[in-house]
Amino acid sequence: MTTKTITSRTLCTRPTSDAGVSTRRMTVAVQMILTGAVLIFVVGFAQGSGGFLHNAAHDTRHAASFPCH
């Protein structure tokens, strides 16, 4: 009877630093800002479906007391 010994090795060990966390947060923040800008652009110029999307966004802005005129 033979016995196999299984050893475990850590393959990917990366040191964490404050700079890595900051860079990750900045990347997420920039992606969120760009996504928001694209959504606002798309909703602002939405002409299909009878203006439903544009009017819904417009009414939401009024409900939040955000001036838009």
PDB file of N, CA and C in Angstrom:
ATOM      1  N   MET A   1       0.851  -1.175   0.000  1.00  0.00           N
ATOM      2  CA  MET A   1       0.000   0.000   0.000  1.00  0.00           C
ATOM      3  C   MET A   1       0.893   1.233   0.000  1.00  0.00           C
ATOM      4  N   THR A   2       0.575   2.176  -0.899  1.00  0.00           N
ATOM      5  CA  THR A   2       1.360   3.410  -0.969  1.00  0.00           C
ATOM      6  C   THR A   2       0.500   4.578  -0.535  1.00  0.00           C
ATOM      7  N   THR A   3       1.147   5.560   0.010  1.00  0.00           N
ATOM      8  CA  THR A   3       0.453   6.754   0.491  1.00  0.00           C
ATOM      9  C   THR A   3       0.974   7.963  -0.268  1.00  0.00           C
ATOM     10  N   LYS A   4       0.060   8.757  -0.788  1.00  0.00           N
ATOM     11  CA  LYS A   4       0.455   9.977  -1.486  1.00  0.00           C
ATOM     12  C   LYS A   4       0.313  11.159  -0.534  1.00  0.00           C
ATOM     13  N   THR A   5       1.303  11.996  -0.534  1.00  0.00           N
ATOM     14  CA  THR A   5       1.263  13.196   0.290  1.00  0.00           C
ATOM     15  C   THR A   5       0.885  14.367  -0.609  1.00  0.00           C
ATOM     16  N   ILE A   6      -0.139  15.064  -0.199  1.00  0.00           N
ATOM     17  CA  ILE A   6      -0.608  16.218  -0.968  1.00  0.00           C
ATOM     18  C   ILE A   6      -0.108  17.466  -0.267  1.00  0.00           C
ATOM     19  N   THR A   7       0.615  18.259  -0.989  1.00  0.00           N
ATOM     20  CA  THR A   7       1.091  19.518  -0.429  1.00  0.00           C
ATOM     21  C   THR A   7       0.309  20.652  -1.061  1.00  0.00           C
ATOM     22  N   SER A   8       0.088  21.666  -0.301  1.00  0.00           N
ATOM     23  CA  SER A   8      -0.640  22.818  -0.827  1.00  0.00           C
ATOM     24  C   SER A   8       0.327  23.990  -0.954  1.00  0.00           C
ATOM     25  N   ARG A   9       0.217  24.652  -2.072  1.00  0.00           N
ATOM     26  CA  ARG A   9       1.022  25.841  -2.320  1.00  0.00           C
ATOM     27  C   ARG A   9       0.085  26.976  -2.697  1.00  0.00           C
ATOM     28  N   THR A  10       0.435  28.124  -2.254  1.00  0.00           N
ATOM     29  CA  THR A  10      -0.329  29.292  -2.640  1.00  0.00           C
ATOM     30  C   THR A  10       0.258  29.814  -3.938  1.00  0.00           C
ATOM     31  N   LEU A  11      -0.542  29.831  -4.974  1.00  0.00           N
ATOM     32  CA  LEU A  11      -0.047  30.219  -6.289  1.00  0.00           C
ATOM     33  C   LEU A  11      -0.083  31.725  -6.506  1.00  0.00           C
ATOM     34  N   CYS A  12      -1.110  32.339  -6.052  1.00  0.00           N
ATOM     35  CA  CYS A  12      -1.265  33.768  -6.308  1.00  0.00           C
ATOM     36  C   CYS A  12      -1.320  34.518  -4.992  1.00  0.00           C
ATOM     37  N   THR A  13      -0.214  34.990  -4.561  1.00  0.00           N
ATOM     38  CA  THR A  13      -0.201  35.835  -3.365  1.00  0.00           C
ATOM     39  C   THR A  13       0.245  37.213  -3.788  1.00  0.00           C
ATOM     40  N   ARG A  14      -0.630  38.147  -3.622  1.00  0.00           N
ATOM     41  CA  ARG A  14      -0.321  39.526  -3.969  1.00  0.00           C
ATOM     42  C   ARG A  14      -0.377  40.358  -2.706  1.00  0.00           C
ATOM     43  N   PRO A  15       0.625  41.137  -2.500  1.00  0.00           N
ATOM     44  CA  PRO A  15       0.566  42.011  -1.332  1.00  0.00           C
ATOM     45  C   PRO A  15      -0.481  43.092  -1.549  1.00  0.00           C
ATOM     46  N   THR A  16      -1.234  43.357  -0.544  1.00  0.00           N
ATOM     47  CA  THR A  16      -2.238  44.406  -0.652  1.00  0.00           C
ATOM     48  C   THR A  16      -1.654  45.694  -0.090  1.00  0.00           C
ATOM     49  N   SER A  17      -2.020  46.764  -0.700  1.00  0.00           N
ATOM     50  CA  SER A  17      -1.541  48.060  -0.228  1.00  0.00           C
ATOM     51  C   SER A  17      -2.672  49.065  -0.334  1.00  0.00           C
ATOM     52  N   ASP A  18      -2.486  50.182   0.292  1.00  0.00           N
ATOM     53  CA  ASP A  18      -3.503  51.224   0.225  1.00  0.00           C
ATOM     54  C   ASP A  18      -3.640  51.770  -1.190  1.00  0.00           C
ATOM     55  N   ALA A  19      -2.544  51.788  -1.938  1.00  0.00           N
ATOM     56  CA  ALA A  19      -2.592  52.285  -3.313  1.00  0.00           C
ATOM     57  C   ALA A  19      -3.480  51.391  -4.177  1.00  0.00           C
ATOM     58  N   GLY A  20      -3.434  50.074  -3.984  1.00  0.00           N
ATOM     59  CA  GLY A  20      -4.268  49.162  -4.751  1.00  0.00           C
ATOM     60  C   GLY A  20      -5.737  49.362  -4.471  1.00  0.00           C
ATOM     61  N   VAL A  21      -6.078  49.578  -3.227  1.00  0.00           N
ATOM     62  CA  VAL A  21      -7.473  49.815  -2.861  1.00  0.00           C
ATOM     63  C   VAL A  21      -7.940  51.142  -3.447  1.00  0.00           C
ATOM     64  N   SER A  22      -7.103  52.145  -3.369  1.00  0.00           N
ATOM     65  CA  SER A  22      -7.458  53.455  -3.893  1.00  0.00           C
ATOM     66  C   SER A  22      -7.653  53.401  -5.406  1.00  0.00           C
ATOM     67  N   THR A  23      -6.764  52.698  -6.099  1.00  0.00           N
ATOM     68  CA  THR A  23      -6.883  52.575  -7.546  1.00  0.00           C
ATOM     69  C   THR A  23      -8.157  51.829  -7.920  1.00  0.00           C
ATOM     70  N   ARG A  24      -8.477  50.781  -7.187  1.00  0.00           N
ATOM     71  CA  ARG A  24      -9.691  50.007  -7.462  1.00  0.00           C
ATOM     72  C   ARG A  24     -10.922  50.874  -7.247  1.00  0.00           C
ATOM     73  N   ARG A  25     -10.925  51.637  -6.183  1.00  0.00           N
ATOM     74  CA  ARG A  25     -12.085  52.503  -5.916  1.00  0.00           C
ATOM     75  C   ARG A  25     -12.226  53.589  -6.974  1.00  0.00           C
ATOM     76  N   MET A  26     -11.103  54.141  -7.406  1.00  0.00           N
ATOM     77  CA  MET A  26     -11.164  55.161  -8.446  1.00  0.00           C
ATOM     78  C   MET A  26     -11.675  54.577  -9.756  1.00  0.00           C
ATOM     79  N   THR A  27     -11.264  53.358 -10.070  1.00  0.00           N
ATOM     80  CA  THR A  27     -11.730  52.704 -11.288  1.00  0.00           C
ATOM     81  C   THR A  27     -13.236  52.487 -11.236  1.00  0.00           C
ATOM     82  N   VAL A  28     -13.728  52.014 -10.114  1.00  0.00           N
ATOM     83  CA  VAL A  28     -15.170  51.800  -9.958  1.00  0.00           C
ATOM     84  C   VAL A  28     -15.915  53.132 -10.027  1.00  0.00           C
ATOM     85  N   ALA A  29     -15.366  54.161  -9.407  1.00  0.00           N
ATOM     86  CA  ALA A  29     -16.015  55.478  -9.419  1.00  0.00           C
ATOM     87  C   ALA A  29     -16.103  56.026 -10.845  1.00  0.00           C
ATOM     88  N   VAL A  30     -15.031  55.911 -11.611  1.00  0.00           N
ATOM     89  CA  VAL A  30     -15.037  56.400 -12.989  1.00  0.00           C
ATOM     90  C   VAL A  30     -16.028  55.604 -13.835  1.00  0.00           C
ATOM     91  N   GLN A  31     -16.079  54.295 -13.635  1.00  0.00           N
ATOM     92  CA  GLN A  31     -17.041  53.474 -14.379  1.00  0.00           C
ATOM     93  C   GLN A  31     -18.470  53.859 -14.041  1.00  0.00           C
ATOM     94  N   MET A  32     -18.740  54.132 -12.780  1.00  0.00           N
ATOM     95  CA  MET A  32     -20.094  54.526 -12.371  1.00  0.00           C
ATOM     96  C   MET A  32     -20.465  55.880 -12.966  1.00  0.00           C
ATOM     97  N   ILE A  33     -19.526  56.819 -12.970  1.00  0.00           N
ATOM     98  CA  ILE A  33     -19.792  58.140 -13.540  1.00  0.00           C
ATOM     99  C   ILE A  33     -20.063  58.034 -15.032  1.00  0.00           C
ATOM    100  N   LEU A  34     -19.253  57.254 -15.738  1.00  0.00           N
ATOM    101  CA  LEU A  34     -19.466  57.087 -17.176  1.00  0.00           C
ATOM    102  C   LEU A  34     -20.794  56.402 -17.481  1.00  0.00           C
ATOM    103  N   THR A  35     -21.141  55.394 -16.683  1.00  0.00           N
ATOM    104  CA  THR A  35     -22.422  54.712 -16.874  1.00  0.00           C
ATOM    105  C   THR A  35     -23.575  55.680 -16.648  1.00  0.00           C
ATOM    106  N   GLY A  36     -23.484  56.489 -15.611  1.00  0.00           N
ATOM    107  CA  GLY A  36     -24.525  57.476 -15.339  1.00  0.00           C
ATOM    108  C   GLY A  36     -24.655  58.498 -16.459  1.00  0.00           C
ATOM    109  N   ALA A  37     -23.514  58.957 -16.976  1.00  0.00           N
ATOM    110  CA  ALA A  37     -23.542  59.928 -18.072  1.00  0.00           C
ATOM    111  C   ALA A  37     -24.179  59.328 -19.323  1.00  0.00           C
ATOM    112  N   VAL A  38     -23.851  58.082 -19.618  1.00  0.00           N
ATOM    113  CA  VAL A  38     -24.443  57.417 -20.781  1.00  0.00           C
ATOM    114  C   VAL A  38     -25.953  57.255 -20.584  1.00  0.00           C
ATOM    115  N   LEU A  39     -26.380  56.864 -19.398  1.00  0.00           N
ATOM    116  CA  LEU A  39     -27.820  56.710 -19.135  1.00  0.00           C
ATOM    117  C   LEU A  39     -28.555  58.039 -19.278  1.00  0.00           C
ATOM    118  N   ILE A  40     -27.980  59.104 -18.748  1.00  0.00           N
ATOM    119  CA  ILE A  40     -28.623  60.421 -18.860  1.00  0.00           C
ATOM    120  C   ILE A  40     -28.703  60.835 -20.328  1.00  0.00           C
ATOM    121  N   PHE A  41     -27.636  60.594 -21.086  1.00  0.00           N
ATOM    122  CA  PHE A  41     -27.639  60.935 -22.514  1.00  0.00           C
ATOM    123  C   PHE A  41     -28.703  60.148 -23.264  1.00  0.00           C
ATOM    124  N   VAL A  42     -28.780  58.836 -22.988  1.00  0.00           N
ATOM    125  CA  VAL A  42     -29.755  57.985 -23.681  1.00  0.00           C
ATOM    126  C   VAL A  42     -31.177  58.406 -23.331  1.00  0.00           C
ATOM    127  N   VAL A  43     -31.438  58.644 -22.058  1.00  0.00           N
ATOM    128  CA  VAL A  43     -32.792  59.046 -21.642  1.00  0.00           C
ATOM    129  C   VAL A  43     -33.134  60.425 -22.195  1.00  0.00           C
ATOM    130  N   GLY A  44     -32.169  61.317 -22.204  1.00  0.00           N
ATOM    131  CA  GLY A  44     -32.424  62.675 -22.692  1.00  0.00           C
ATOM    132  C   GLY A  44     -32.796  62.716 -24.161  1.00  0.00           C
ATOM    133  N   PHE A  45     -32.211  61.825 -24.945  1.00  0.00           N
ATOM    134  CA  PHE A  45     -32.473  61.828 -26.383  1.00  0.00           C
ATOM    135  C   PHE A  45     -33.357  60.682 -26.836  1.00  0.00           C
ATOM    136  N   ALA A  46     -34.028  60.027 -25.896  1.00  0.00           N
ATOM    137  CA  ALA A  46     -34.907  58.907 -26.248  1.00  0.00           C
ATOM    138  C   ALA A  46     -36.149  59.449 -26.951  1.00  0.00           C
ATOM    139  N   GLN A  47     -36.329  59.066 -28.181  1.00  0.00           N
ATOM    140  CA  GLN A  47     -37.488  59.520 -28.956  1.00  0.00           C
ATOM    141  C   GLN A  47     -38.450  58.378 -29.257  1.00  0.00           C
ATOM    142  N   GLY A  48     -37.998  57.141 -29.106  1.00  0.00           N
ATOM    143  CA  GLY A  48     -38.846  55.994 -29.413  1.00  0.00           C
ATOM    144  C   GLY A  48     -39.894  55.767 -28.341  1.00  0.00           C
ATOM    145  N   SER A  49     -40.812  54.920 -28.611  1.00  0.00           N
ATOM    146  CA  SER A  49     -41.919  54.508 -27.741  1.00  0.00           C
ATOM    147  C   SER A  49     -42.731  55.699 -27.232  1.00  0.00           C
ATOM    148  N   GLY A  50     -42.938  56.677 -28.074  1.00  0.00           N
ATOM    149  CA  GLY A  50     -43.798  57.802 -27.719  1.00  0.00           C
ATOM    150  C   GLY A  50     -43.227  58.697 -26.630  1.00  0.00           C
ATOM    151  N   GLY A  51     -41.932  58.681 -26.418  1.00  0.00           N
ATOM    152  CA  GLY A  51     -41.323  59.532 -25.409  1.00  0.00           C
ATOM    153  C   GLY A  51     -41.550  59.032 -23.991  1.00  0.00           C
ATOM    154  N   PHE A  52     -41.927  57.776 -23.844  1.00  0.00           N
ATOM    155  CA  PHE A  52     -42.229  57.222 -22.521  1.00  0.00           C
ATOM    156  C   PHE A  52     -41.035  57.314 -21.586  1.00  0.00           C
ATOM    157  N   LEU A  53     -39.865  56.914 -22.065  1.00  0.00           N
ATOM    158  CA  LEU A  53     -38.663  56.914 -21.233  1.00  0.00           C
ATOM    159  C   LEU A  53     -38.276  58.335 -20.840  1.00  0.00           C
ATOM    160  N   HIS A  54     -38.321  59.238 -21.800  1.00  0.00           N
ATOM    161  CA  HIS A  54     -37.977  60.632 -21.520  1.00  0.00           C
ATOM    162  C   HIS A  54     -38.962  61.258 -20.537  1.00  0.00           C
ATOM    163  N   ASN A  55     -40.252  61.013 -20.728  1.00  0.00           N
ATOM    164  CA  ASN A  55     -41.259  61.582 -19.835  1.00  0.00           C
ATOM    165  C   ASN A  55     -41.180  61.001 -18.424  1.00  0.00           C
ATOM    166  N   ALA A  56     -40.873  59.733 -18.308  1.00  0.00           N
ATOM    167  CA  ALA A  56     -40.730  59.124 -16.989  1.00  0.00           C
ATOM    168  C   ALA A  56     -39.554  59.747 -16.239  1.00  0.00           C
ATOM    169  N   ALA A  57     -38.449  59.955 -16.931  1.00  0.00           N
ATOM    170  CA  ALA A  57     -37.298  60.592 -16.288  1.00  0.00           C
ATOM    171  C   ALA A  57     -37.618  62.032 -15.931  1.00  0.00           C
ATOM    172  N   HIS A  58     -38.339  62.711 -16.804  1.00  0.00           N
ATOM    173  CA  HIS A  58     -38.722  64.103 -16.561  1.00  0.00           C
ATOM    174  C   HIS A  58     -39.617  64.208 -15.321  1.00  0.00           C
ATOM    175  N   ASP A  59     -40.597  63.342 -15.219  1.00  0.00           N
ATOM    176  CA  ASP A  59     -41.491  63.351 -14.065  1.00  0.00           C
ATOM    177  C   ASP A  59     -40.749  63.007 -12.783  1.00  0.00           C
ATOM    178  N   THR A  60     -39.787  62.111 -12.866  1.00  0.00           N
ATOM    179  CA  THR A  60     -38.987  61.764 -11.687  1.00  0.00           C
ATOM    180  C   THR A  60     -38.183  62.961 -11.223  1.00  0.00           C
ATOM    181  N   ARG A  61     -37.646  63.720 -12.145  1.00  0.00           N
ATOM    182  CA  ARG A  61     -36.889  64.918 -11.766  1.00  0.00           C
ATOM    183  C   ARG A  61     -37.792  65.914 -11.048  1.00  0.00           C
ATOM    184  N   HIS A  62     -39.009  66.081 -11.535  1.00  0.00           N
ATOM    185  CA  HIS A  62     -39.950  66.985 -10.857  1.00  0.00           C
ATOM    186  C   HIS A  62     -40.329  66.460  -9.474  1.00  0.00           C
ATOM    187  N   ALA A  63     -40.531  65.155  -9.355  1.00  0.00           N
ATOM    188  CA  ALA A  63     -40.895  64.554  -8.059  1.00  0.00           C
ATOM    189  C   ALA A  63     -39.767  64.730  -7.039  1.00  0.00           C
ATOM    190  N   ALA A  64     -38.528  64.774  -7.504  1.00  0.00           N
ATOM    191  CA  ALA A  64     -37.384  64.950  -6.596  1.00  0.00           C
ATOM    192  C   ALA A  64     -37.080  66.427  -6.371  1.00  0.00           C
ATOM    193  N   SER A  65     -37.924  67.314  -6.852  1.00  0.00           N
ATOM    194  CA  SER A  65     -37.759  68.767  -6.719  1.00  0.00           C
ATOM    195  C   SER A  65     -36.471  69.255  -7.375  1.00  0.00           C
ATOM    196  N   PHE A  66     -36.107  68.615  -8.470  1.00  0.00           N
ATOM    197  CA  PHE A  66     -34.927  69.029  -9.226  1.00  0.00           C
ATOM    198  C   PHE A  66     -35.375  69.892 -10.395  1.00  0.00           C
ATOM    199  N   PRO A  67     -34.931  71.138 -10.447  1.00  0.00           N
ATOM    200  CA  PRO A  67     -35.392  72.020 -11.541  1.00  0.00           C
ATOM    201  C   PRO A  67     -34.819  71.574 -12.889  1.00  0.00           C
ATOM    202  N   CYS A  68     -35.654  71.570 -13.881  1.00  0.00           N
ATOM    203  CA  CYS A  68     -35.176  71.150 -15.199  1.00  0.00           C
ATOM    204  C   CYS A  68     -35.661  72.053 -16.324  1.00  0.00           C
ATOM    205  N   HIS A  69     -36.330  73.114 -15.996  1.00  0.00           N
ATOM    206  CA  HIS A  69     -36.795  74.029 -17.062  1.00  0.00           C
ATOM    207  C   HIS A  69     -36.089  75.353 -16.942  1.00  0.00           C
TER     208      HIS A  69
END
